[in-house]
Each structure stands twice: as C-alpha cells, then as structure tokens.
PDB file of all heavy atoms in Angstrom:
ATOM      1  N   ARG A   1      32.284  -8.332  78.744  1.00  0.00           N
ATOM      2  CA  ARG A   1      32.052  -7.312  77.550  1.00  0.00           C
ATOM      3  C   ARG A   1      33.344  -6.796  76.889  1.00  0.00           C
ATOM      4  O   ARG A   1      33.352  -6.079  75.921  1.00  0.00           O
ATOM      5  CB  ARG A   1      31.133  -6.338  78.069  1.00  0.00           C
ATOM      6  CG  ARG A   1      29.606  -6.782  77.966  1.00  0.00           C
ATOM      7  CD  ARG A   1      28.690  -5.830  78.788  1.00  0.00           C
ATOM      8  NE  ARG A   1      27.319  -6.250  78.649  1.00  0.00           N
ATOM      9  CZ  ARG A   1      26.737  -7.172  79.383  1.00  0.00           C
ATOM     10  NH1 ARG A   1      27.382  -7.832  80.411  1.00  0.00           N
ATOM     11  NH2 ARG A   1      25.467  -7.384  79.138  1.00  0.00           N
ATOM     12  N   GLN A   2      34.432  -7.091  77.667  1.00  0.00           N
ATOM     13  CA  GLN A   2      35.805  -6.627  76.933  1.00  0.00           C
ATOM     14  C   GLN A   2      36.433  -7.643  76.005  1.00  0.00           C
ATOM     15  O   GLN A   2      37.370  -7.496  75.386  1.00  0.00           O
ATOM     16  CB  GLN A   2      36.808  -6.431  78.227  1.00  0.00           C
ATOM     17  CG  GLN A   2      36.529  -5.308  79.022  1.00  0.00           C
ATOM     18  CD  GLN A   2      37.500  -4.947  79.984  1.00  0.00           C
ATOM     19  OE1 GLN A   2      38.832  -4.951  79.516  1.00  0.00           O
ATOM     20  NE2 GLN A   2      37.328  -4.642  81.228  1.00  0.00           N
ATOM     21  N   TYR A   3      35.639  -8.822  75.791  1.00  0.00           N
ATOM     22  CA  TYR A   3      36.120  -9.916  74.990  1.00  0.00           C
ATOM     23  C   TYR A   3      35.070 -10.187  73.823  1.00  0.00           C
ATOM     24  O   TYR A   3      33.971  -9.822  73.969  1.00  0.00           O
ATOM     25  CB  TYR A   3      36.243 -11.325  75.720  1.00  0.00           C
ATOM     26  CG  TYR A   3      37.141 -11.275  76.815  1.00  0.00           C
ATOM     27  CD1 TYR A   3      36.964 -10.933  78.079  1.00  0.00           C
ATOM     28  CD2 TYR A   3      38.556 -11.668  76.568  1.00  0.00           C
ATOM     29  CE1 TYR A   3      37.807 -10.963  79.164  1.00  0.00           C
ATOM     30  CE2 TYR A   3      39.409 -11.728  77.570  1.00  0.00           C
ATOM     31  CZ  TYR A   3      39.178 -11.238  78.880  1.00  0.00           C
ATOM     32  OH  TYR A   3      40.115 -11.305  79.848  1.00  0.00           O
ATOM     33  N   TRP A   4      35.655 -10.542  72.760  1.00  0.00           N
ATOM     34  CA  TRP A   4      34.772 -11.010  71.547  1.00  0.00           C
ATOM     35  C   TRP A   4      34.106 -12.277  72.160  1.00  0.00           C
ATOM     36  O   TRP A   4      34.712 -13.201  72.786  1.00  0.00           O
ATOM     37  CB  TRP A   4      35.543 -11.334  70.388  1.00  0.00           C
ATOM     38  CG  TRP A   4      35.945 -10.145  69.641  1.00  0.00           C
ATOM     39  CD1 TRP A   4      37.107  -9.389  69.747  1.00  0.00           C
ATOM     40  CD2 TRP A   4      35.067  -9.490  68.653  1.00  0.00           C
ATOM     41  NE1 TRP A   4      37.070  -8.336  68.784  1.00  0.00           N
ATOM     42  CE2 TRP A   4      35.964  -8.319  68.185  1.00  0.00           C
ATOM     43  CE3 TRP A   4      33.809  -9.679  68.194  1.00  0.00           C
ATOM     44  CZ2 TRP A   4      35.335  -7.478  67.234  1.00  0.00           C
ATOM     45  CZ3 TRP A   4      33.351  -8.838  67.159  1.00  0.00           C
ATOM     46  CH2 TRP A   4      34.148  -7.731  66.647  1.00  0.00           C
ATOM     47  N   ILE A   5      32.675 -12.433  71.800  1.00  0.00           N
ATOM     48  CA  ILE A   5      31.926 -13.531  72.219  1.00  0.00           C
ATOM     49  C   ILE A   5      31.310 -14.300  71.002  1.00  0.00           C
ATOM     50  O   ILE A   5      30.657 -13.792  70.098  1.00  0.00           O
ATOM     51  CB  ILE A   5      30.840 -12.986  73.018  1.00  0.00           C
ATOM     52  CG1 ILE A   5      31.394 -12.260  74.346  1.00  0.00           C
ATOM     53  CG2 ILE A   5      29.904 -14.127  73.573  1.00  0.00           C
ATOM     54  CD1 ILE A   5      30.393 -11.378  75.171  1.00  0.00           C
ATOM     55  N   PRO A   6      31.565 -15.613  70.974  1.00  0.00           N
ATOM     56  CA  PRO A   6      30.955 -16.438  69.803  1.00  0.00           C
ATOM     57  C   PRO A   6      29.543 -16.675  70.338  1.00  0.00           C
ATOM     58  O   PRO A   6      29.223 -16.905  71.479  1.00  0.00           O
ATOM     59  CB  PRO A   6      31.773 -17.728  69.823  1.00  0.00           C
ATOM     60  CG  PRO A   6      32.366 -17.863  71.277  1.00  0.00           C
ATOM     61  CD  PRO A   6      32.426 -16.477  71.797  1.00  0.00           C
ATOM     62  N   PHE A   7      28.625 -16.504  69.158  1.00  0.00           N
ATOM     63  CA  PHE A   7      27.351 -16.683  69.679  1.00  0.00           C
ATOM     64  C   PHE A   7      26.397 -17.459  68.773  1.00  0.00           C
ATOM     65  O   PHE A   7      25.198 -17.894  69.095  1.00  0.00           O
ATOM     66  CB  PHE A   7      26.593 -15.249  69.902  1.00  0.00           C
ATOM     67  CG  PHE A   7      26.479 -14.477  68.627  1.00  0.00           C
ATOM     68  CD1 PHE A   7      25.252 -14.422  67.914  1.00  0.00           C
ATOM     69  CD2 PHE A   7      27.575 -13.791  68.201  1.00  0.00           C
ATOM     70  CE1 PHE A   7      25.057 -13.662  66.845  1.00  0.00           C
ATOM     71  CE2 PHE A   7      27.391 -12.943  66.990  1.00  0.00           C
ATOM     72  CZ  PHE A   7      26.109 -12.945  66.235  1.00  0.00           C
ATOM     73  N   LEU A   8      26.771 -17.789  67.601  1.00  0.00           N
ATOM     74  CA  LEU A   8      25.977 -18.579  66.617  1.00  0.00           C
ATOM     75  C   LEU A   8      26.999 -19.074  65.555  1.00  0.00           C
ATOM     76  O   LEU A   8      28.036 -18.709  65.507  1.00  0.00           O
ATOM     77  CB  LEU A   8      24.865 -17.815  65.829  1.00  0.00           C
ATOM     78  CG  LEU A   8      23.541 -17.584  66.555  1.00  0.00           C
ATOM     79  CD1 LEU A   8      22.706 -16.677  65.746  1.00  0.00           C
ATOM     80  CD2 LEU A   8      22.772 -18.786  66.923  1.00  0.00           C
ATOM     81  N   THR A   9      26.467 -20.200  64.833  1.00  0.00           N
ATOM     82  CA  THR A   9      27.171 -20.561  63.608  1.00  0.00           C
ATOM     83  C   THR A   9      26.768 -19.668  62.402  1.00  0.00           C
ATOM     84  O   THR A   9      25.542 -19.084  62.338  1.00  0.00           O
ATOM     85  CB  THR A   9      26.995 -22.058  63.220  1.00  0.00           C
ATOM     86  OG1 THR A   9      25.646 -22.283  62.927  1.00  0.00           O
ATOM     87  CG2 THR A   9      27.359 -22.950  64.520  1.00  0.00           C
ATOM     88  N   SER A  10      27.585 -19.614  61.420  1.00  0.00           N
ATOM     89  CA  SER A  10      27.232 -18.889  60.196  1.00  0.00           C
ATOM     90  C   SER A  10      25.972 -19.235  59.558  1.00  0.00           C
ATOM     91  O   SER A  10      25.043 -18.604  59.016  1.00  0.00           O
ATOM     92  CB  SER A  10      28.490 -18.813  59.222  1.00  0.00           C
ATOM     93  OG  SER A  10      29.567 -18.234  59.780  1.00  0.00           O
ATOM     94  N   SER A  11      25.723 -20.697  59.612  1.00  0.00           N
ATOM     95  CA  SER A  11      24.589 -21.180  58.825  1.00  0.00           C
ATOM     96  C   SER A  11      23.227 -20.988  59.557  1.00  0.00           C
ATOM     97  O   SER A  11      22.180 -21.106  59.168  1.00  0.00           O
ATOM     98  CB  SER A  11      24.821 -22.819  58.762  1.00  0.00           C
ATOM     99  OG  SER A  11      24.979 -23.366  60.061  1.00  0.00           O
ATOM    100  N   ASP A  12      23.246 -20.432  60.849  1.00  0.00           N
ATOM    101  CA  ASP A  12      22.174 -20.163  61.524  1.00  0.00           C
ATOM    102  C   ASP A  12      21.322 -18.893  60.991  1.00  0.00           C
ATOM    103  O   ASP A  12      20.186 -18.684  61.207  1.00  0.00           O
ATOM    104  CB  ASP A  12      22.378 -19.850  63.128  1.00  0.00           C
ATOM    105  CG  ASP A  12      22.656 -21.147  63.810  1.00  0.00           C
ATOM    106  OD1 ASP A  12      21.906 -22.137  63.543  1.00  0.00           O
ATOM    107  OD2 ASP A  12      23.627 -21.236  64.465  1.00  0.00           O
ATOM    108  N   VAL A  13      22.096 -18.041  60.319  1.00  0.00           N
ATOM    109  CA  VAL A  13      21.421 -16.815  59.702  1.00  0.00           C
ATOM    110  C   VAL A  13      21.692 -16.776  58.175  1.00  0.00           C
ATOM    111  O   VAL A  13      22.700 -16.969  57.601  1.00  0.00           O
ATOM    112  CB  VAL A  13      21.893 -15.604  60.236  1.00  0.00           C
ATOM    113  CG1 VAL A  13      21.401 -15.336  61.720  1.00  0.00           C
ATOM    114  CG2 VAL A  13      23.531 -15.556  60.323  1.00  0.00           C
ATOM    115  N   VAL A  14      20.498 -16.724  57.538  1.00  0.00           N
ATOM    116  CA  VAL A  14      20.511 -16.879  55.978  1.00  0.00           C
ATOM    117  C   VAL A  14      20.230 -15.508  55.380  1.00  0.00           C
ATOM    118  O   VAL A  14      19.430 -14.689  55.876  1.00  0.00           O
ATOM    119  CB  VAL A  14      19.456 -17.933  55.549  1.00  0.00           C
ATOM    120  CG1 VAL A  14      19.468 -18.025  53.998  1.00  0.00           C
ATOM    121  CG2 VAL A  14      19.666 -19.308  56.212  1.00  0.00           C
ATOM    122  N   ARG A  15      21.011 -15.190  54.314  1.00  0.00           N
ATOM    123  CA  ARG A  15      20.713 -13.931  53.667  1.00  0.00           C
ATOM    124  C   ARG A  15      19.173 -13.635  53.268  1.00  0.00           C
ATOM    125  O   ARG A  15      18.606 -14.515  52.689  1.00  0.00           O
ATOM    126  CB  ARG A  15      21.596 -13.949  52.321  1.00  0.00           C
ATOM    127  CG  ARG A  15      21.665 -12.607  51.610  1.00  0.00           C
ATOM    128  CD  ARG A  15      22.363 -12.746  50.302  1.00  0.00           C
ATOM    129  NE  ARG A  15      23.724 -13.348  50.470  1.00  0.00           N
ATOM    130  CZ  ARG A  15      24.817 -12.715  50.186  1.00  0.00           C
ATOM    131  NH1 ARG A  15      24.804 -11.551  49.405  1.00  0.00           N
ATOM    132  NH2 ARG A  15      25.985 -13.326  50.277  1.00  0.00           N
ATOM    133  N   ASP A  16      18.738 -12.544  53.889  1.00  0.00           N
ATOM    134  CA  ASP A  16      17.364 -12.063  53.694  1.00  0.00           C
ATOM    135  C   ASP A  16      16.356 -13.073  54.307  1.00  0.00           C
ATOM    136  O   ASP A  16      15.270 -13.164  53.840  1.00  0.00           O
ATOM    137  CB  ASP A  16      16.906 -11.830  52.262  1.00  0.00           C
ATOM    138  CG  ASP A  16      17.576 -10.501  51.685  1.00  0.00           C
ATOM    139  OD1 ASP A  16      17.769  -9.682  52.563  1.00  0.00           O
ATOM    140  OD2 ASP A  16      17.579 -10.396  50.500  1.00  0.00           O
ATOM    141  N   GLY A  17      16.933 -13.929  55.310  1.00  0.00           N
ATOM    142  CA  GLY A  17      16.132 -14.892  55.793  1.00  0.00           C
ATOM    143  C   GLY A  17      15.584 -14.561  57.234  1.00  0.00           C
ATOM    144  O   GLY A  17      15.732 -13.451  57.799  1.00  0.00           O
ATOM    145  N   GLN A  18      14.921 -15.492  57.910  1.00  0.00           N
ATOM    146  CA  GLN A  18      14.241 -15.232  59.208  1.00  0.00           C
ATOM    147  C   GLN A  18      15.255 -14.751  60.245  1.00  0.00           C
ATOM    148  O   GLN A  18      16.337 -15.447  60.518  1.00  0.00           O
ATOM    149  CB  GLN A  18      13.713 -16.609  59.660  1.00  0.00           C
ATOM    150  CG  GLN A  18      13.289 -16.710  61.118  1.00  0.00           C
ATOM    151  CD  GLN A  18      12.040 -15.908  61.309  1.00  0.00           C
ATOM    152  OE1 GLN A  18      10.994 -16.024  60.682  1.00  0.00           O
ATOM    153  NE2 GLN A  18      12.031 -14.984  62.396  1.00  0.00           N
ATOM    154  N   PRO A  19      15.024 -13.674  60.970  1.00  0.00           N
ATOM    155  CA  PRO A  19      15.921 -13.281  62.120  1.00  0.00           C
ATOM    156  C   PRO A  19      15.829 -14.341  63.145  1.00  0.00           C
ATOM    157  O   PRO A  19      14.941 -15.119  63.257  1.00  0.00           O
ATOM    158  CB  PRO A  19      15.193 -11.997  62.569  1.00  0.00           C
ATOM    159  CG  PRO A  19      14.465 -11.436  61.400  1.00  0.00           C
ATOM    160  CD  PRO A  19      13.999 -12.700  60.750  1.00  0.00           C
ATOM    161  N   TYR A  20      16.934 -14.513  64.026  1.00  0.00           N
ATOM    162  CA  TYR A  20      17.119 -15.530  64.958  1.00  0.00           C
ATOM    163  C   TYR A  20      17.311 -14.877  66.345  1.00  0.00           C
ATOM    164  O   TYR A  20      18.162 -13.935  66.570  1.00  0.00           O
ATOM    165  CB  TYR A  20      18.470 -16.265  64.527  1.00  0.00           C
ATOM    166  CG  TYR A  20      18.610 -17.636  65.283  1.00  0.00           C
ATOM    167  CD1 TYR A  20      18.375 -18.805  64.746  1.00  0.00           C
ATOM    168  CD2 TYR A  20      18.972 -17.572  66.698  1.00  0.00           C
ATOM    169  CE1 TYR A  20      18.462 -19.913  65.491  1.00  0.00           C
ATOM    170  CE2 TYR A  20      19.165 -18.738  67.486  1.00  0.00           C
ATOM    171  CZ  TYR A  20      18.944 -19.987  66.762  1.00  0.00           C
ATOM    172  OH  TYR A  20      19.045 -21.085  67.554  1.00  0.00           O
ATOM    173  N   ARG A  21      16.442 -15.284  67.310  1.00  0.00           N
ATOM    174  CA  ARG A  21      16.411 -14.783  68.563  1.00  0.00           C
ATOM    175  C   ARG A  21      17.583 -15.349  69.376  1.00  0.00           C
ATOM    176  O   ARG A  21      17.860 -16.505  69.521  1.00  0.00           O
ATOM    177  CB  ARG A  21      15.122 -15.247  69.264  1.00  0.00           C
ATOM    178  CG  ARG A  21      14.069 -14.194  69.180  1.00  0.00           C
ATOM    179  CD  ARG A  21      14.193 -12.940  69.903  1.00  0.00           C
ATOM    180  NE  ARG A  21      13.760 -13.066  71.322  1.00  0.00           N
ATOM    181  CZ  ARG A  21      14.431 -12.944  72.359  1.00  0.00           C
ATOM    182  NH1 ARG A  21      15.635 -12.644  72.258  1.00  0.00           N
ATOM    183  NH2 ARG A  21      13.947 -13.001  73.586  1.00  0.00           N
ATOM    184  N   VAL A  22      18.353 -14.312  69.932  1.00  0.00           N
ATOM    185  CA  VAL A  22      19.390 -14.497  70.694  1.00  0.00           C
ATOM    186  C   VAL A  22      19.284 -13.856  72.029  1.00  0.00           C
ATOM    187  O   VAL A  22      18.529 -12.816  72.245  1.00  0.00           O
ATOM    188  CB  VAL A  22      20.796 -13.874  69.982  1.00  0.00           C
ATOM    189  CG1 VAL A  22      21.907 -13.967  70.785  1.00  0.00           C
ATOM    190  CG2 VAL A  22      20.888 -14.677  68.650  1.00  0.00           C
ATOM    191  N   ARG A  23      19.905 -14.350  73.187  1.00  0.00           N
ATOM    192  CA  ARG A  23      20.179 -13.629  74.390  1.00  0.00           C
ATOM    193  C   ARG A  23      21.579 -13.824  74.796  1.00  0.00           C
ATOM    194  O   ARG A  23      22.104 -14.990  74.827  1.00  0.00           O
ATOM    195  CB  ARG A  23      19.232 -14.245  75.416  1.00  0.00           C
ATOM    196  CG  ARG A  23      19.324 -13.458  76.782  1.00  0.00           C
ATOM    197  CD  ARG A  23      18.416 -13.929  77.781  1.00  0.00           C
ATOM    198  NE  ARG A  23      17.001 -13.663  77.490  1.00  0.00           N
ATOM    199  CZ  ARG A  23      15.951 -14.455  77.770  1.00  0.00           C
ATOM    200  NH1 ARG A  23      16.153 -15.603  78.395  1.00  0.00           N
ATOM    201  NH2 ARG A  23      14.640 -13.984  77.409  1.00  0.00           N
ATOM    202  N   LEU A  24      22.347 -12.784  75.049  1.00  0.00           N
ATOM    203  CA  LEU A  24      23.714 -12.932  75.524  1.00  0.00           C
ATOM    204  C   LEU A  24      23.850 -11.901  76.680  1.00  0.00           C
ATOM    205  O   LEU A  24      23.515 -10.809  76.662  1.00  0.00           O
ATOM    206  CB  LEU A  24      24.575 -12.390  74.364  1.00  0.00           C
ATOM    207  CG  LEU A  24      24.709 -13.425  73.164  1.00  0.00           C
ATOM    208  CD1 LEU A  24      25.559 -12.750  71.964  1.00  0.00           C
ATOM    209  CD2 LEU A  24      25.437 -14.710  73.572  1.00  0.00           C
ATOM    210  N   LEU A  25      24.483 -12.569  77.639  1.00  0.00           N
ATOM    211  CA  LEU A  25      24.763 -11.792  79.047  1.00  0.00           C
ATOM    212  C   LEU A  25      23.527 -11.045  79.395  1.00  0.00           C
ATOM    213  O   LEU A  25      23.576  -9.929  79.975  1.00  0.00           O
ATOM    214  CB  LEU A  25      25.892 -10.756  78.669  1.00  0.00           C
ATOM    215  CG  LEU A  25      27.310 -11.326  78.107  1.00  0.00           C
ATOM    216  CD1 LEU A  25      28.323 -10.271  78.028  1.00  0.00           C
ATOM    217  CD2 LEU A  25      27.886 -12.405  78.982  1.00  0.00           C
ATOM    218  N   GLY A  26      22.441 -11.695  79.354  1.00  0.00           N
ATOM    219  CA  GLY A  26      21.148 -11.150  79.811  1.00  0.00           C
ATOM    220  C   GLY A  26      20.459 -10.168  78.926  1.00  0.00           C
ATOM    221  O   GLY A  26      19.428  -9.665  79.189  1.00  0.00           O
ATOM    222  N   GLU A  27      21.040  -9.882  77.649  1.00  0.00           N
ATOM    223  CA  GLU A  27      20.461  -8.849  76.778  1.00  0.00           C
ATOM    224  C   GLU A  27      19.743  -9.590  75.644  1.00  0.00           C
ATOM    225  O   GLU A  27      20.340 -10.580  75.084  1.00  0.00           O
ATOM    226  CB  GLU A  27      21.607  -8.051  76.240  1.00  0.00           C
ATOM    227  CG  GLU A  27      22.189  -7.150  77.292  1.00  0.00           C
ATOM    228  CD  GLU A  27      23.099  -6.109  76.604  1.00  0.00           C
ATOM    229  OE1 GLU A  27      22.751  -5.588  75.572  1.00  0.00           O
ATOM    230  OE2 GLU A  27      24.157  -5.765  77.190  1.00  0.00           O
ATOM    231  N   ASP A  28      18.540  -9.267  75.447  1.00  0.00           N
ATOM    232  CA  ASP A  28      17.650  -9.820  74.319  1.00  0.00           C
ATOM    233  C   ASP A  28      17.927  -9.168  73.064  1.00  0.00           C
ATOM    234  O   ASP A  28      17.756  -8.030  72.918  1.00  0.00           O
ATOM    235  CB  ASP A  28      16.160  -9.695  74.745  1.00  0.00           C
ATOM    236  CG  ASP A  28      15.822 -10.746  75.877  1.00  0.00           C
ATOM    237  OD1 ASP A  28      16.060 -11.910  75.730  1.00  0.00           O
ATOM    238  OD2 ASP A  28      15.367 -10.303  76.874  1.00  0.00           O
ATOM    239  N   LEU A  29      18.357 -10.021  72.009  1.00  0.00           N
ATOM    240  CA  LEU A  29      18.733  -9.508  70.804  1.00  0.00           C
ATOM    241  C   LEU A  29      18.188 -10.408  69.498  1.00  0.00           C
ATOM    242  O   LEU A  29      17.562 -11.518  69.873  1.00  0.00           O
ATOM    243  CB  LEU A  29      20.256  -9.606  70.663  1.00  0.00           C
ATOM    244  CG  LEU A  29      21.048  -8.854  71.781  1.00  0.00           C
ATOM    245  CD1 LEU A  29      22.479  -9.429  71.891  1.00  0.00           C
ATOM    246  CD2 LEU A  29      21.048  -7.309  71.553  1.00  0.00           C
ATOM    247  N   VAL A  30      18.318  -9.954  68.359  1.00  0.00           N
ATOM    248  CA  VAL A  30      17.981 -10.767  67.122  1.00  0.00           C
ATOM    249  C   VAL A  30      19.221 -10.608  66.216  1.00  0.00           C
ATOM    250  O   VAL A  30      19.803  -9.563  66.181  1.00  0.00           O
ATOM    251  CB  VAL A  30      16.651 -10.511  66.490  1.00  0.00           C
ATOM    252  CG1 VAL A  30      15.479 -10.733  67.353  1.00  0.00           C
ATOM    253  CG2 VAL A  30      16.692  -9.063  65.906  1.00  0.00           C
ATOM    254  N   ALA A  31      19.493 -11.774  65.578  1.00  0.00           N
ATOM    255  CA  ALA A  31      20.605 -11.720  64.712  1.00  0.00           C
ATOM    256  C   ALA A  31      20.009 -12.118  63.287  1.00  0.00           C
ATOM    257  O   ALA A  31      18.994 -12.827  63.112  1.00  0.00           O
ATOM    258  CB  ALA A  31      21.671 -12.951  64.898  1.00  0.00           C
ATOM    259  N   TYR A  32      20.683 -11.439  62.247  1.00  0.00           N
ATOM    260  CA  TYR A  32      20.168 -11.604  60.809  1.00  0.00           C
ATOM    261  C   TYR A  32      21.236 -11.320  59.872  1.00  0.00           C
ATOM    262  O   TYR A  32      22.228 -10.695  60.159  1.00  0.00           O
ATOM    263  CB  TYR A  32      18.967 -10.766  60.554  1.00  0.00           C
ATOM    264  CG  TYR A  32      19.319  -9.225  60.388  1.00  0.00           C
ATOM    265  CD1 TYR A  32      19.484  -8.564  59.164  1.00  0.00           C
ATOM    266  CD2 TYR A  32      19.309  -8.438  61.576  1.00  0.00           C
ATOM    267  CE1 TYR A  32      19.854  -7.314  59.172  1.00  0.00           C
ATOM    268  CE2 TYR A  32      19.760  -7.073  61.500  1.00  0.00           C
ATOM    269  CZ  TYR A  32      20.010  -6.516  60.186  1.00  0.00           C
ATOM    270  OH  TYR A  32      20.229  -5.127  60.021  1.00  0.00           O
ATOM    271  N   ARG A  33      21.064 -11.845  58.611  1.00  0.00           N
ATOM    272  CA  ARG A  33      22.012 -11.608  57.538  1.00  0.00           C
ATOM    273  C   ARG A  33      21.287 -10.815  56.426  1.00  0.00           C
ATOM    274  O   ARG A  33      20.342 -11.170  55.898  1.00  0.00           O
ATOM    275  CB  ARG A  33      22.584 -12.944  57.065  1.00  0.00           C
ATOM    276  CG  ARG A  33      23.782 -12.654  56.148  1.00  0.00           C
ATOM    277  CD  ARG A  33      24.237 -14.098  55.515  1.00  0.00           C
ATOM    278  NE  ARG A  33      24.809 -15.000  56.623  1.00  0.00           N
ATOM    279  CZ  ARG A  33      26.008 -14.923  57.090  1.00  0.00           C
ATOM    280  NH1 ARG A  33      26.876 -14.102  56.497  1.00  0.00           N
ATOM    281  NH2 ARG A  33      26.313 -15.850  57.925  1.00  0.00           N
ATOM    282  N   ASP A  34      21.860  -9.612  56.231  1.00  0.00           N
ATOM    283  CA  ASP A  34      21.222  -8.810  55.217  1.00  0.00           C
ATOM    284  C   ASP A  34      21.414  -9.185  53.716  1.00  0.00           C
ATOM    285  O   ASP A  34      22.126 -10.197  53.437  1.00  0.00           O
ATOM    286  CB  ASP A  34      21.497  -7.219  55.524  1.00  0.00           C
ATOM    287  CG  ASP A  34      22.823  -6.922  55.070  1.00  0.00           C
ATOM    288  OD1 ASP A  34      23.662  -7.715  54.384  1.00  0.00           O
ATOM    289  OD2 ASP A  34      23.446  -5.729  55.265  1.00  0.00           O
ATOM    290  N   SER A  35      20.951  -8.437  52.701  1.00  0.00           N
ATOM    291  CA  SER A  35      20.898  -8.724  51.315  1.00  0.00           C
ATOM    292  C   SER A  35      22.469  -8.806  50.896  1.00  0.00           C
ATOM    293  O   SER A  35      22.673  -9.492  49.828  1.00  0.00           O
ATOM    294  CB  SER A  35      20.108  -7.737  50.498  1.00  0.00           C
ATOM    295  OG  SER A  35      18.926  -7.522  51.068  1.00  0.00           O
ATOM    296  N   GLU A  36      23.273  -8.079  51.507  1.00  0.00           N
ATOM    297  CA  GLU A  36      24.816  -8.119  51.094  1.00  0.00           C
ATOM    298  C   GLU A  36      25.560  -9.117  51.777  1.00  0.00           C
ATOM    299  O   GLU A  36      26.795  -9.205  51.693  1.00  0.00           O
ATOM    300  CB  GLU A  36      25.282  -6.770  51.320  1.00  0.00           C
ATOM    301  CG  GLU A  36      24.804  -5.742  50.167  1.00  0.00           C
ATOM    302  CD  GLU A  36      24.338  -4.442  50.730  1.00  0.00           C
ATOM    303  OE1 GLU A  36      25.041  -3.883  51.568  1.00  0.00           O
ATOM    304  OE2 GLU A  36      23.309  -3.908  50.317  1.00  0.00           O
TER     305      GLU A  36
END
C-alpha cells in the first residue's frame, strides 16, 4: 500500500458507463468514469 498499483486499462471504464467490479489486496471495490 506504499506503492502505486496498476489495476485496469483506461478502456475498461467508460464515461457515465457501467461500474466495473474490482478487488485489490483483498478489498472489494468498483471503478467508474464520471461525466467529466
């Protein structure tokens, strides 16, 4: 957690599109790209 962690490609999240389920270091998360 002291390092930057790559976790997806930019194309995996689309502006105002479907959130994407992620798990990193055992933590459950979602990634999304907002309207901006």
